[in-house]
């Protein structure tokens, strides 16, 4: 699998994301600067990592979503490419119009950083095929604006189309229906607030994120 990781000023999980992808694929992803006008050729996956792009100035992800490279990311997604956004990356995907809904301030208006139990709501995607449906996993979160808001019609659509990827067991931020991650209509774009790349090695305190990357590498190459 050939992958790229987009880097913005303020990204701080780009290296962790690259390590997770390289361990799963045996191939180092290409790091792509936000001012680049185009993506490398032949990519299978584009990953937008967590952090605080542009210092979270204005709305989180709003400036990054308008960076030059994002035009190519949107085009890549339109051609059926796989795109992953984690934490700030999820915010960028929503701001770029690649995923529906909104990410608001946490309900308690405080930054939350802790390991959080999740449920795998569906394993029918390249991003979640490394798990079993309804599997419980422990994945870190670290965000101030992770409160996913979906109006009733959107929530019904996400549920009806099996597009809720992960849910919180103990909702840390007020997200609608405990949603921690969602899929696009074609199931090739995932946005999630928890950080699987921070649970990818025993030295980090957990390995529940390792099947995420292993399954992703297998699922993308299988065309899931």
N, C-alpha and C. Protein backbone atom coordinates (compact mmCIF):
# COMPACT_ATOMS: atom_id res chain seq x y z
N UNK A 1 0.84 -1.19 0.00
CA UNK A 1 0.00 0.00 0.00
C UNK A 1 0.88 1.24 0.00
N UNK A 2 0.61 2.14 -0.90
CA UNK A 2 1.35 3.39 -0.98
C UNK A 2 0.51 4.50 -0.34
N UNK A 3 1.06 5.10 0.71
CA UNK A 3 0.31 6.09 1.49
C UNK A 3 1.06 7.41 1.56
N UNK A 4 0.31 8.46 1.85
CA UNK A 4 0.88 9.78 2.11
C UNK A 4 0.25 10.34 3.37
N UNK A 5 1.03 11.09 4.12
CA UNK A 5 0.55 11.78 5.32
C UNK A 5 0.69 13.28 5.07
N UNK A 6 -0.41 14.00 5.19
CA UNK A 6 -0.40 15.45 4.98
C UNK A 6 0.08 16.14 6.26
N UNK A 7 0.96 17.12 6.11
CA UNK A 7 1.52 17.83 7.26
C UNK A 7 1.18 19.31 7.16
N UNK A 8 0.55 19.82 8.21
CA UNK A 8 0.22 21.24 8.31
C UNK A 8 1.07 21.88 9.41
N UNK A 9 1.22 23.20 9.40
CA UNK A 9 1.80 23.85 10.58
C UNK A 9 0.92 23.55 11.79
N UNK A 10 1.50 22.95 12.82
CA UNK A 10 0.73 22.58 14.00
C UNK A 10 0.36 21.11 14.06
N UNK A 11 0.59 20.33 12.98
CA UNK A 11 0.39 18.88 13.07
C UNK A 11 1.37 18.33 14.10
N UNK A 12 0.90 17.42 14.96
CA UNK A 12 1.83 16.83 15.93
C UNK A 12 1.70 15.31 16.02
N UNK A 13 0.86 14.72 15.19
CA UNK A 13 0.73 13.26 15.17
C UNK A 13 1.13 12.69 13.82
N UNK A 14 1.77 13.50 12.99
CA UNK A 14 2.14 13.05 11.66
C UNK A 14 3.16 11.92 11.70
N UNK A 15 4.14 12.01 12.59
CA UNK A 15 5.15 10.96 12.68
C UNK A 15 4.56 9.68 13.25
N UNK A 16 3.70 9.82 14.25
CA UNK A 16 3.04 8.63 14.81
C UNK A 16 2.20 7.93 13.74
N UNK A 17 1.50 8.71 12.94
CA UNK A 17 0.70 8.14 11.85
C UNK A 17 1.61 7.42 10.86
N UNK A 18 2.73 8.04 10.52
CA UNK A 18 3.66 7.44 9.57
C UNK A 18 4.22 6.13 10.10
N UNK A 19 4.53 6.09 11.39
CA UNK A 19 5.05 4.86 12.00
C UNK A 19 4.00 3.75 11.93
N UNK A 20 2.76 4.07 12.26
CA UNK A 20 1.68 3.08 12.21
C UNK A 20 1.50 2.51 10.82
N UNK A 21 1.54 3.38 9.83
CA UNK A 21 1.37 2.92 8.45
C UNK A 21 2.56 2.10 7.97
N UNK A 22 3.78 2.53 8.33
CA UNK A 22 4.96 1.79 7.88
C UNK A 22 5.02 0.42 8.53
N UNK A 23 4.67 0.32 9.79
CA UNK A 23 4.69 -0.98 10.46
C UNK A 23 3.72 -1.96 9.81
N UNK A 24 2.61 -1.45 9.37
CA UNK A 24 1.58 -2.32 8.78
C UNK A 24 1.88 -2.69 7.34
N UNK A 25 2.59 -1.82 6.64
CA UNK A 25 2.79 -2.03 5.20
C UNK A 25 4.22 -2.37 4.81
N UNK A 26 5.16 -2.08 5.71
CA UNK A 26 6.55 -2.26 5.37
C UNK A 26 7.09 -1.19 4.44
N UNK A 27 6.33 -0.15 4.27
CA UNK A 27 6.70 0.92 3.35
C UNK A 27 6.44 2.28 4.00
N UNK A 28 7.47 3.11 4.07
CA UNK A 28 7.30 4.42 4.68
C UNK A 28 6.39 5.30 3.83
N UNK A 29 5.39 5.93 4.44
CA UNK A 29 4.54 6.83 3.65
C UNK A 29 5.29 8.11 3.30
N UNK A 30 4.82 8.77 2.27
CA UNK A 30 5.41 10.04 1.87
C UNK A 30 4.78 11.16 2.68
N UNK A 31 5.61 12.03 3.21
CA UNK A 31 5.12 13.18 3.97
C UNK A 31 4.91 14.34 3.00
N UNK A 32 3.72 14.87 2.98
CA UNK A 32 3.35 15.90 1.99
C UNK A 32 3.02 17.20 2.70
N UNK A 33 3.71 18.26 2.36
CA UNK A 33 3.53 19.57 2.98
C UNK A 33 2.26 20.23 2.45
N UNK A 34 1.61 20.97 3.32
CA UNK A 34 0.30 21.55 3.00
C UNK A 34 0.33 22.51 1.81
N UNK A 35 1.48 23.10 1.53
CA UNK A 35 1.57 24.04 0.41
C UNK A 35 1.81 23.37 -0.94
N UNK A 36 2.06 22.06 -0.92
CA UNK A 36 2.23 21.35 -2.19
C UNK A 36 0.93 21.41 -2.98
N UNK A 37 1.07 21.49 -4.29
CA UNK A 37 -0.12 21.64 -5.13
C UNK A 37 -0.72 20.30 -5.53
N UNK A 38 0.06 19.22 -5.42
CA UNK A 38 -0.46 17.93 -5.87
C UNK A 38 0.07 16.81 -5.00
N UNK A 39 -0.65 15.71 -5.01
CA UNK A 39 -0.25 14.51 -4.29
C UNK A 39 0.72 13.69 -5.14
N UNK A 40 1.53 12.85 -4.51
CA UNK A 40 2.37 11.92 -5.28
C UNK A 40 1.50 10.98 -6.12
N UNK A 41 2.06 10.48 -7.18
CA UNK A 41 1.33 9.57 -8.06
C UNK A 41 1.18 8.18 -7.42
N UNK A 42 0.11 7.51 -7.77
CA UNK A 42 -0.06 6.10 -7.41
C UNK A 42 -0.42 5.83 -5.97
N UNK A 43 -0.99 6.81 -5.28
CA UNK A 43 -1.34 6.61 -3.87
C UNK A 43 -2.57 5.70 -3.73
N UNK A 44 -2.57 4.94 -2.64
CA UNK A 44 -3.74 4.17 -2.25
C UNK A 44 -4.49 4.82 -1.09
N UNK A 45 -3.77 5.57 -0.26
CA UNK A 45 -4.34 6.15 0.95
C UNK A 45 -3.71 7.50 1.23
N UNK A 46 -4.54 8.45 1.65
CA UNK A 46 -4.08 9.73 2.17
C UNK A 46 -4.54 9.83 3.62
N UNK A 47 -3.61 10.16 4.52
CA UNK A 47 -3.94 10.29 5.94
C UNK A 47 -3.72 11.73 6.39
N UNK A 48 -4.69 12.26 7.10
CA UNK A 48 -4.58 13.60 7.68
C UNK A 48 -4.51 13.43 9.19
N UNK A 49 -3.37 13.76 9.79
CA UNK A 49 -3.14 13.41 11.20
C UNK A 49 -3.74 14.42 12.17
N UNK A 50 -3.61 14.08 13.44
CA UNK A 50 -4.06 14.96 14.50
C UNK A 50 -3.06 16.06 14.79
N UNK A 51 -3.48 16.96 15.65
CA UNK A 51 -2.65 18.11 16.03
C UNK A 51 -3.50 19.36 16.11
N UNK A 52 -2.90 20.47 15.82
CA UNK A 52 -3.59 21.77 15.92
C UNK A 52 -3.23 22.59 14.70
N UNK A 53 -3.70 22.15 13.54
CA UNK A 53 -3.33 22.82 12.29
C UNK A 53 -3.63 24.31 12.37
N UNK A 54 -2.60 25.11 12.03
CA UNK A 54 -2.71 26.57 12.08
C UNK A 54 -3.17 27.06 13.45
N UNK A 55 -2.79 26.31 14.51
CA UNK A 55 -3.11 26.71 15.87
C UNK A 55 -4.59 26.69 16.20
N UNK A 56 -5.39 25.95 15.40
CA UNK A 56 -6.85 25.93 15.59
C UNK A 56 -7.45 27.34 15.54
N UNK A 57 -6.79 28.22 14.78
CA UNK A 57 -7.30 29.57 14.62
C UNK A 57 -8.62 29.51 13.83
N UNK A 58 -9.52 30.42 14.08
CA UNK A 58 -10.88 30.38 13.55
C UNK A 58 -11.53 29.10 14.07
N UNK A 59 -12.09 28.26 13.21
CA UNK A 59 -12.60 26.95 13.62
C UNK A 59 -11.52 25.90 13.40
N UNK A 60 -11.52 24.86 14.23
CA UNK A 60 -10.52 23.80 14.08
C UNK A 60 -10.64 23.19 12.68
N UNK A 61 -9.54 23.18 11.96
CA UNK A 61 -9.50 22.58 10.63
C UNK A 61 -9.95 23.48 9.51
N UNK A 62 -10.48 24.65 9.82
CA UNK A 62 -11.06 25.51 8.78
C UNK A 62 -10.01 26.05 7.83
N UNK A 63 -8.85 26.47 8.35
CA UNK A 63 -7.81 26.99 7.47
C UNK A 63 -7.14 25.85 6.72
N UNK A 64 -6.86 24.76 7.42
CA UNK A 64 -6.21 23.61 6.77
C UNK A 64 -7.04 23.08 5.61
N UNK A 65 -8.36 23.11 5.76
CA UNK A 65 -9.24 22.60 4.71
C UNK A 65 -9.12 23.39 3.42
N UNK A 66 -8.56 24.59 3.51
CA UNK A 66 -8.41 25.45 2.34
C UNK A 66 -6.95 25.56 1.89
N UNK A 67 -6.09 24.71 2.42
CA UNK A 67 -4.70 24.67 2.00
C UNK A 67 -4.60 24.14 0.57
N UNK A 68 -3.58 24.51 -0.18
CA UNK A 68 -3.46 24.06 -1.57
C UNK A 68 -3.57 22.56 -1.75
N UNK A 69 -2.95 21.77 -0.85
CA UNK A 69 -2.95 20.32 -1.04
C UNK A 69 -4.34 19.72 -0.93
N UNK A 70 -5.26 20.40 -0.22
CA UNK A 70 -6.58 19.81 -0.01
C UNK A 70 -7.39 19.74 -1.30
N UNK A 71 -7.08 20.56 -2.30
CA UNK A 71 -7.78 20.41 -3.57
C UNK A 71 -7.47 19.04 -4.17
N UNK A 72 -6.21 18.64 -4.06
CA UNK A 72 -5.82 17.34 -4.57
C UNK A 72 -6.40 16.21 -3.73
N UNK A 73 -6.52 16.43 -2.41
CA UNK A 73 -7.11 15.41 -1.54
C UNK A 73 -8.58 15.21 -1.90
N UNK A 74 -9.29 16.31 -2.13
CA UNK A 74 -10.71 16.22 -2.52
C UNK A 74 -10.84 15.49 -3.85
N UNK A 75 -9.98 15.81 -4.80
CA UNK A 75 -10.02 15.12 -6.09
C UNK A 75 -9.70 13.64 -5.93
N UNK A 76 -8.72 13.33 -5.09
CA UNK A 76 -8.34 11.94 -4.83
C UNK A 76 -9.52 11.17 -4.24
N UNK A 77 -10.23 11.79 -3.31
CA UNK A 77 -11.40 11.16 -2.72
C UNK A 77 -12.50 10.96 -3.76
N UNK A 78 -12.69 11.94 -4.63
CA UNK A 78 -13.72 11.84 -5.67
C UNK A 78 -13.44 10.70 -6.64
N UNK A 79 -12.17 10.34 -6.79
CA UNK A 79 -11.80 9.23 -7.67
C UNK A 79 -11.88 7.88 -6.96
N UNK A 80 -12.33 7.89 -5.70
CA UNK A 80 -12.48 6.64 -4.97
C UNK A 80 -11.30 6.27 -4.11
N UNK A 81 -10.36 7.21 -3.90
CA UNK A 81 -9.22 6.94 -3.04
C UNK A 81 -9.63 6.87 -1.58
N UNK A 82 -8.85 6.14 -0.79
CA UNK A 82 -9.12 6.03 0.64
C UNK A 82 -8.48 7.21 1.37
N UNK A 83 -9.24 7.83 2.26
CA UNK A 83 -8.78 8.99 3.02
C UNK A 83 -9.10 8.76 4.49
N UNK A 84 -8.10 8.98 5.34
CA UNK A 84 -8.25 8.83 6.79
C UNK A 84 -7.97 10.16 7.46
N UNK A 85 -8.85 10.59 8.35
CA UNK A 85 -8.63 11.78 9.15
C UNK A 85 -8.81 11.46 10.61
N UNK A 86 -7.79 11.72 11.42
CA UNK A 86 -7.83 11.42 12.85
C UNK A 86 -7.76 12.72 13.64
N UNK A 87 -8.71 12.91 14.54
CA UNK A 87 -8.78 14.06 15.44
C UNK A 87 -8.83 15.35 14.62
N UNK A 88 -7.77 16.15 14.60
CA UNK A 88 -7.77 17.35 13.78
C UNK A 88 -8.01 17.01 12.32
N UNK A 89 -7.55 15.83 11.90
CA UNK A 89 -7.81 15.37 10.54
C UNK A 89 -9.29 15.17 10.27
N UNK A 90 -10.03 14.69 11.26
CA UNK A 90 -11.49 14.55 11.15
C UNK A 90 -12.11 15.93 10.98
N UNK A 91 -11.63 16.88 11.76
CA UNK A 91 -12.14 18.25 11.66
C UNK A 91 -11.87 18.82 10.26
N UNK A 92 -10.69 18.54 9.72
CA UNK A 92 -10.35 19.03 8.39
C UNK A 92 -11.27 18.40 7.34
N UNK A 93 -11.54 17.11 7.45
CA UNK A 93 -12.40 16.43 6.48
C UNK A 93 -13.81 17.01 6.49
N UNK A 94 -14.32 17.34 7.67
CA UNK A 94 -15.64 17.95 7.74
C UNK A 94 -15.62 19.35 7.14
N UNK A 95 -14.60 20.13 7.47
CA UNK A 95 -14.49 21.49 6.93
C UNK A 95 -14.32 21.48 5.41
N UNK A 96 -13.72 20.41 4.88
CA UNK A 96 -13.51 20.30 3.44
C UNK A 96 -14.73 19.73 2.72
N UNK A 97 -15.77 19.38 3.46
CA UNK A 97 -16.99 18.85 2.86
C UNK A 97 -16.91 17.39 2.48
N UNK A 98 -15.89 16.66 2.98
CA UNK A 98 -15.75 15.25 2.64
C UNK A 98 -16.53 14.34 3.58
N UNK A 99 -16.94 14.85 4.73
CA UNK A 99 -17.78 14.12 5.66
C UNK A 99 -18.85 15.06 6.21
N UNK A 100 -20.02 14.52 6.55
CA UNK A 100 -21.12 15.37 7.02
C UNK A 100 -21.06 15.61 8.53
N UNK A 101 -21.89 16.55 8.98
CA UNK A 101 -21.98 16.85 10.40
C UNK A 101 -21.08 17.99 10.79
N UNK A 102 -20.88 18.13 12.09
CA UNK A 102 -20.02 19.20 12.62
C UNK A 102 -19.34 18.70 13.88
N UNK A 103 -18.17 19.26 14.17
CA UNK A 103 -17.46 18.96 15.41
C UNK A 103 -17.41 20.24 16.24
N UNK A 104 -18.06 20.19 17.40
CA UNK A 104 -18.22 21.36 18.25
C UNK A 104 -17.33 21.24 19.48
N UNK A 105 -17.31 22.29 20.30
CA UNK A 105 -16.60 22.25 21.57
C UNK A 105 -17.16 21.11 22.42
N UNK A 106 -16.27 20.47 23.18
CA UNK A 106 -16.72 19.43 24.10
C UNK A 106 -17.81 19.99 25.02
N UNK A 107 -18.75 19.14 25.39
CA UNK A 107 -19.90 19.59 26.16
C UNK A 107 -19.50 20.28 27.47
N UNK A 108 -18.42 19.79 28.09
CA UNK A 108 -17.98 20.38 29.36
C UNK A 108 -17.02 21.55 29.15
N UNK A 109 -16.77 21.89 27.87
CA UNK A 109 -15.91 23.02 27.50
C UNK A 109 -14.49 22.87 28.04
N UNK A 110 -14.03 21.62 28.14
CA UNK A 110 -12.67 21.36 28.60
C UNK A 110 -11.96 20.41 27.64
N UNK A 111 -10.66 20.59 27.54
CA UNK A 111 -9.83 19.66 26.77
C UNK A 111 -9.81 18.31 27.49
N UNK A 112 -9.95 17.24 26.74
CA UNK A 112 -9.98 15.90 27.31
C UNK A 112 -8.85 15.08 26.71
N UNK A 113 -8.04 14.47 27.57
CA UNK A 113 -6.91 13.64 27.12
C UNK A 113 -6.84 12.41 28.00
N UNK A 114 -7.26 11.26 27.47
CA UNK A 114 -7.26 10.03 28.25
C UNK A 114 -7.50 8.84 27.33
N UNK A 115 -7.21 7.66 27.82
CA UNK A 115 -7.57 6.44 27.11
C UNK A 115 -9.06 6.20 27.30
N UNK A 116 -9.74 5.91 26.19
CA UNK A 116 -11.19 5.82 26.21
C UNK A 116 -11.66 4.51 25.59
N UNK A 117 -12.57 3.80 26.25
CA UNK A 117 -13.11 2.57 25.64
C UNK A 117 -14.06 2.88 24.50
N UNK A 118 -13.87 2.19 23.39
CA UNK A 118 -14.72 2.34 22.21
C UNK A 118 -15.38 1.02 21.87
N UNK A 119 -16.44 1.09 21.07
CA UNK A 119 -17.03 -0.08 20.44
C UNK A 119 -16.89 0.07 18.93
N UNK A 120 -16.52 -1.01 18.28
CA UNK A 120 -16.45 -1.03 16.82
C UNK A 120 -17.88 -1.24 16.31
N UNK A 121 -18.47 -0.19 15.77
CA UNK A 121 -19.88 -0.25 15.37
C UNK A 121 -20.09 -1.02 14.08
N UNK A 122 -19.09 -1.01 13.21
CA UNK A 122 -19.14 -1.80 11.98
C UNK A 122 -17.72 -2.22 11.61
N UNK A 123 -17.58 -3.41 11.06
CA UNK A 123 -16.27 -3.81 10.53
C UNK A 123 -16.33 -3.95 9.01
N UNK A 124 -17.37 -3.36 8.43
CA UNK A 124 -17.55 -3.41 6.98
C UNK A 124 -16.91 -2.20 6.32
N UNK A 125 -15.60 -2.09 6.43
CA UNK A 125 -14.84 -1.04 5.76
C UNK A 125 -13.37 -1.40 5.84
N UNK A 126 -12.58 -0.80 4.98
CA UNK A 126 -11.14 -1.05 5.01
C UNK A 126 -10.54 -0.56 6.33
N UNK A 127 -11.17 0.43 6.95
CA UNK A 127 -10.63 1.02 8.17
C UNK A 127 -10.93 0.20 9.41
N UNK A 128 -11.98 -0.59 9.37
CA UNK A 128 -12.43 -1.30 10.58
C UNK A 128 -12.40 -2.82 10.43
N UNK A 129 -11.92 -3.32 9.29
CA UNK A 129 -11.97 -4.76 9.04
C UNK A 129 -11.00 -5.55 9.90
N UNK A 130 -10.09 -4.87 10.59
CA UNK A 130 -9.17 -5.56 11.49
C UNK A 130 -9.79 -5.93 12.81
N UNK A 131 -11.02 -5.49 13.04
CA UNK A 131 -11.74 -5.77 14.27
C UNK A 131 -12.99 -6.59 13.97
N UNK A 132 -13.65 -7.06 15.03
CA UNK A 132 -14.96 -7.68 14.90
C UNK A 132 -16.01 -6.66 15.29
N UNK A 133 -17.17 -6.79 14.70
CA UNK A 133 -18.27 -5.87 15.03
C UNK A 133 -18.59 -5.95 16.53
N UNK A 134 -18.75 -4.81 17.13
CA UNK A 134 -19.07 -4.67 18.55
C UNK A 134 -17.88 -4.98 19.46
N UNK A 135 -16.68 -5.13 18.90
CA UNK A 135 -15.50 -5.36 19.72
C UNK A 135 -15.20 -4.13 20.56
N UNK A 136 -14.78 -4.35 21.80
CA UNK A 136 -14.39 -3.26 22.68
C UNK A 136 -12.88 -3.05 22.56
N UNK A 137 -12.47 -1.81 22.34
CA UNK A 137 -11.05 -1.47 22.25
C UNK A 137 -10.78 -0.21 23.06
N UNK A 138 -9.54 -0.07 23.52
CA UNK A 138 -9.14 1.11 24.29
C UNK A 138 -8.20 1.96 23.44
N UNK A 139 -8.64 3.17 23.14
CA UNK A 139 -7.90 4.07 22.26
C UNK A 139 -7.83 5.46 22.91
N UNK A 140 -6.67 6.13 22.88
CA UNK A 140 -6.57 7.47 23.48
C UNK A 140 -7.36 8.53 22.70
N UNK A 141 -7.83 9.50 23.43
CA UNK A 141 -8.40 10.71 22.82
C UNK A 141 -7.62 11.91 23.35
N UNK A 142 -7.62 12.99 22.60
CA UNK A 142 -6.96 14.23 23.02
C UNK A 142 -7.54 15.37 22.19
N UNK A 143 -8.62 15.97 22.69
CA UNK A 143 -9.27 17.01 21.90
C UNK A 143 -10.09 17.96 22.77
N UNK A 144 -10.32 19.11 22.21
CA UNK A 144 -11.17 20.13 22.85
C UNK A 144 -12.46 20.33 22.06
N UNK A 145 -12.42 19.95 20.77
CA UNK A 145 -13.56 20.16 19.89
C UNK A 145 -13.91 18.83 19.21
N UNK A 146 -14.32 17.87 20.02
CA UNK A 146 -14.63 16.54 19.49
C UNK A 146 -16.08 16.14 19.60
N UNK A 147 -16.92 17.10 19.92
CA UNK A 147 -18.35 16.85 20.14
C UNK A 147 -19.04 16.78 18.77
N UNK A 148 -19.23 15.55 18.27
CA UNK A 148 -19.80 15.37 16.93
C UNK A 148 -21.30 15.64 16.96
N UNK A 149 -21.73 16.55 16.11
CA UNK A 149 -23.13 16.94 16.04
C UNK A 149 -23.75 16.46 14.74
N UNK A 150 -24.82 15.68 14.85
CA UNK A 150 -25.56 15.21 13.68
C UNK A 150 -27.05 15.45 13.93
N UNK A 151 -27.68 16.20 13.04
CA UNK A 151 -29.12 16.42 13.18
C UNK A 151 -29.84 15.10 12.96
N UNK A 152 -31.11 14.99 13.40
CA UNK A 152 -31.82 13.71 13.36
C UNK A 152 -31.83 13.03 11.99
N UNK A 153 -32.01 13.80 10.91
CA UNK A 153 -32.05 13.18 9.58
C UNK A 153 -30.70 12.58 9.21
N UNK A 154 -29.62 13.28 9.54
CA UNK A 154 -28.28 12.75 9.26
C UNK A 154 -28.00 11.52 10.12
N UNK A 155 -28.38 11.58 11.38
CA UNK A 155 -28.17 10.43 12.26
C UNK A 155 -28.89 9.20 11.75
N UNK A 156 -30.13 9.39 11.29
CA UNK A 156 -30.89 8.27 10.73
C UNK A 156 -30.19 7.70 9.50
N UNK A 157 -29.62 8.59 8.69
CA UNK A 157 -28.93 8.12 7.48
C UNK A 157 -27.65 7.36 7.83
N UNK A 158 -26.89 7.89 8.80
CA UNK A 158 -25.67 7.21 9.22
C UNK A 158 -25.97 5.82 9.77
N UNK A 159 -27.01 5.74 10.57
CA UNK A 159 -27.39 4.45 11.14
C UNK A 159 -27.92 3.51 10.06
N UNK A 160 -28.78 4.02 9.20
CA UNK A 160 -29.40 3.18 8.17
C UNK A 160 -28.41 2.66 7.16
N UNK A 161 -27.34 3.43 6.91
CA UNK A 161 -26.32 3.02 5.94
C UNK A 161 -25.10 2.38 6.60
N UNK A 162 -25.20 2.10 7.90
CA UNK A 162 -24.11 1.44 8.64
C UNK A 162 -22.80 2.21 8.51
N UNK A 163 -22.89 3.51 8.68
CA UNK A 163 -21.72 4.37 8.48
C UNK A 163 -21.12 4.90 9.78
N UNK A 164 -21.65 4.47 10.93
CA UNK A 164 -21.02 4.81 12.20
C UNK A 164 -19.92 3.78 12.43
N UNK A 165 -18.69 4.23 12.46
CA UNK A 165 -17.55 3.31 12.55
C UNK A 165 -17.22 2.93 13.98
N UNK A 166 -17.17 3.92 14.86
CA UNK A 166 -16.83 3.71 16.26
C UNK A 166 -17.77 4.53 17.14
N UNK A 167 -18.07 4.01 18.33
CA UNK A 167 -18.83 4.76 19.32
C UNK A 167 -18.08 4.71 20.65
N UNK A 168 -18.31 5.72 21.47
CA UNK A 168 -17.74 5.76 22.81
C UNK A 168 -18.59 4.90 23.76
N UNK A 169 -17.93 4.15 24.62
CA UNK A 169 -18.66 3.46 25.68
C UNK A 169 -19.05 4.44 26.78
N UNK A 170 -18.17 5.40 27.04
CA UNK A 170 -18.43 6.43 28.04
C UNK A 170 -18.20 7.77 27.36
N UNK A 171 -19.27 8.38 26.91
CA UNK A 171 -19.17 9.58 26.08
C UNK A 171 -18.39 10.69 26.78
N UNK A 172 -17.22 11.08 26.23
CA UNK A 172 -16.38 12.07 26.91
C UNK A 172 -16.61 13.51 26.48
N UNK A 173 -17.46 13.72 25.46
CA UNK A 173 -17.53 15.07 24.88
C UNK A 173 -18.92 15.52 24.48
N UNK A 174 -19.93 14.67 24.64
CA UNK A 174 -21.30 15.03 24.30
C UNK A 174 -21.71 14.68 22.89
N UNK A 175 -20.91 13.92 22.17
CA UNK A 175 -21.21 13.58 20.78
C UNK A 175 -22.58 12.93 20.62
N UNK A 176 -23.28 13.31 19.56
CA UNK A 176 -24.57 12.71 19.23
C UNK A 176 -24.44 11.19 19.15
N UNK A 177 -25.29 10.48 19.85
CA UNK A 177 -25.34 9.01 19.81
C UNK A 177 -23.99 8.37 20.13
N UNK A 178 -23.18 9.07 20.92
CA UNK A 178 -21.86 8.55 21.34
C UNK A 178 -20.91 8.32 20.16
N UNK A 179 -21.11 9.00 19.05
CA UNK A 179 -20.33 8.75 17.84
C UNK A 179 -18.88 9.22 18.01
N UNK A 180 -17.95 8.31 17.68
CA UNK A 180 -16.52 8.62 17.74
C UNK A 180 -15.88 8.64 16.36
N UNK A 181 -16.57 8.07 15.35
CA UNK A 181 -16.03 8.05 13.99
C UNK A 181 -17.08 7.67 12.99
N UNK A 182 -17.01 8.24 11.79
CA UNK A 182 -18.01 7.97 10.75
C UNK A 182 -17.33 7.70 9.41
N UNK A 183 -18.07 7.03 8.53
CA UNK A 183 -17.62 6.71 7.18
C UNK A 183 -18.38 7.54 6.15
N UNK A 184 -17.76 7.74 5.01
CA UNK A 184 -18.43 8.40 3.89
C UNK A 184 -19.41 7.44 3.23
N UNK A 185 -20.18 7.95 2.28
CA UNK A 185 -21.17 7.12 1.60
C UNK A 185 -20.53 5.93 0.90
N UNK A 186 -19.36 6.13 0.30
CA UNK A 186 -18.71 5.01 -0.40
C UNK A 186 -17.80 4.19 0.52
N UNK A 187 -17.77 4.55 1.81
CA UNK A 187 -17.05 3.82 2.85
C UNK A 187 -15.53 3.89 2.68
N UNK A 188 -15.06 4.83 1.87
CA UNK A 188 -13.63 4.95 1.62
C UNK A 188 -13.00 6.16 2.31
N UNK A 189 -13.79 6.88 3.09
CA UNK A 189 -13.28 7.98 3.90
C UNK A 189 -13.73 7.74 5.34
N UNK A 190 -12.78 7.82 6.26
CA UNK A 190 -13.09 7.69 7.68
C UNK A 190 -12.58 8.91 8.43
N UNK A 191 -13.45 9.47 9.25
CA UNK A 191 -13.03 10.49 10.21
C UNK A 191 -13.30 9.97 11.60
N UNK A 192 -12.32 10.08 12.50
CA UNK A 192 -12.49 9.62 13.87
C UNK A 192 -11.72 10.54 14.81
N UNK A 193 -12.26 10.77 16.00
CA UNK A 193 -11.56 11.59 16.98
C UNK A 193 -10.50 10.81 17.76
N UNK A 194 -10.71 9.57 18.17
CA UNK A 194 -9.67 8.82 18.89
C UNK A 194 -8.44 8.56 18.02
N UNK A 195 -7.31 8.30 18.67
CA UNK A 195 -6.01 8.19 18.02
C UNK A 195 -5.51 6.74 18.00
N UNK A 196 -5.77 5.95 16.97
CA UNK A 196 -5.23 4.59 16.94
C UNK A 196 -3.72 4.55 16.86
N UNK A 197 -3.10 5.59 16.30
CA UNK A 197 -1.64 5.63 16.19
C UNK A 197 -0.96 5.79 17.54
N UNK A 198 -1.73 6.18 18.56
CA UNK A 198 -1.18 6.30 19.92
C UNK A 198 -1.42 5.03 20.74
N UNK A 199 -1.93 4.01 20.12
CA UNK A 199 -2.13 2.71 20.78
C UNK A 199 -1.62 1.61 19.86
N UNK A 200 -0.40 1.79 19.42
CA UNK A 200 0.16 0.92 18.38
C UNK A 200 1.45 0.23 18.82
N UNK A 201 1.77 0.33 20.11
CA UNK A 201 3.01 -0.25 20.61
C UNK A 201 2.90 -0.40 22.12
N UNK A 202 3.41 -1.51 22.68
CA UNK A 202 3.35 -1.66 24.15
C UNK A 202 3.99 -0.49 24.89
N UNK A 203 5.02 0.11 24.29
CA UNK A 203 5.69 1.23 24.94
C UNK A 203 4.77 2.44 25.09
N UNK A 204 3.73 2.49 24.29
CA UNK A 204 2.76 3.59 24.37
C UNK A 204 1.65 3.30 25.36
N UNK A 205 1.64 2.09 25.90
CA UNK A 205 0.63 1.73 26.89
C UNK A 205 -0.50 0.89 26.38
N UNK A 206 -0.49 0.55 25.10
CA UNK A 206 -1.57 -0.28 24.54
C UNK A 206 -1.33 -0.58 23.09
N UNK A 207 -1.97 -1.64 22.62
CA UNK A 207 -1.80 -2.07 21.22
C UNK A 207 -3.13 -2.25 20.50
N UNK A 208 -4.21 -1.72 21.05
CA UNK A 208 -5.51 -1.90 20.40
C UNK A 208 -5.61 -1.15 19.07
N UNK A 209 -4.67 -0.25 18.81
CA UNK A 209 -4.66 0.44 17.52
C UNK A 209 -3.95 -0.33 16.43
N UNK A 210 -3.15 -1.33 16.81
CA UNK A 210 -2.38 -2.08 15.81
C UNK A 210 -3.28 -2.79 14.79
N UNK A 211 -4.39 -3.44 15.20
CA UNK A 211 -5.26 -4.07 14.20
C UNK A 211 -5.90 -3.07 13.25
N UNK A 212 -6.02 -1.83 13.69
CA UNK A 212 -6.56 -0.80 12.80
C UNK A 212 -5.66 -0.65 11.58
N UNK A 213 -4.35 -0.52 11.80
CA UNK A 213 -3.43 -0.31 10.70
C UNK A 213 -3.22 -1.59 9.89
N UNK A 214 -3.16 -2.73 10.57
CA UNK A 214 -3.00 -3.99 9.84
C UNK A 214 -4.20 -4.26 8.96
N UNK A 215 -5.39 -4.04 9.50
CA UNK A 215 -6.61 -4.24 8.70
C UNK A 215 -6.72 -3.24 7.58
N UNK A 216 -6.29 -2.01 7.84
CA UNK A 216 -6.35 -0.96 6.82
C UNK A 216 -5.47 -1.32 5.62
N UNK A 217 -4.26 -1.77 5.90
CA UNK A 217 -3.35 -2.15 4.82
C UNK A 217 -3.96 -3.27 3.98
N UNK A 218 -4.53 -4.26 4.65
CA UNK A 218 -5.14 -5.39 3.93
C UNK A 218 -6.40 -4.96 3.19
N UNK A 219 -7.24 -4.17 3.87
CA UNK A 219 -8.52 -3.77 3.29
C UNK A 219 -8.38 -2.87 2.09
N UNK A 220 -7.45 -1.92 2.16
CA UNK A 220 -7.24 -1.00 1.03
C UNK A 220 -6.76 -1.77 -0.19
N UNK A 221 -5.81 -2.67 0.01
CA UNK A 221 -5.28 -3.41 -1.14
C UNK A 221 -6.29 -4.41 -1.69
N UNK A 222 -7.25 -4.81 -0.86
CA UNK A 222 -8.30 -5.71 -1.33
C UNK A 222 -9.43 -4.94 -2.01
N UNK A 223 -9.34 -3.61 -1.95
CA UNK A 223 -10.35 -2.78 -2.60
C UNK A 223 -11.61 -2.60 -1.78
N UNK A 224 -11.52 -2.79 -0.46
CA UNK A 224 -12.69 -2.67 0.40
C UNK A 224 -13.18 -1.23 0.44
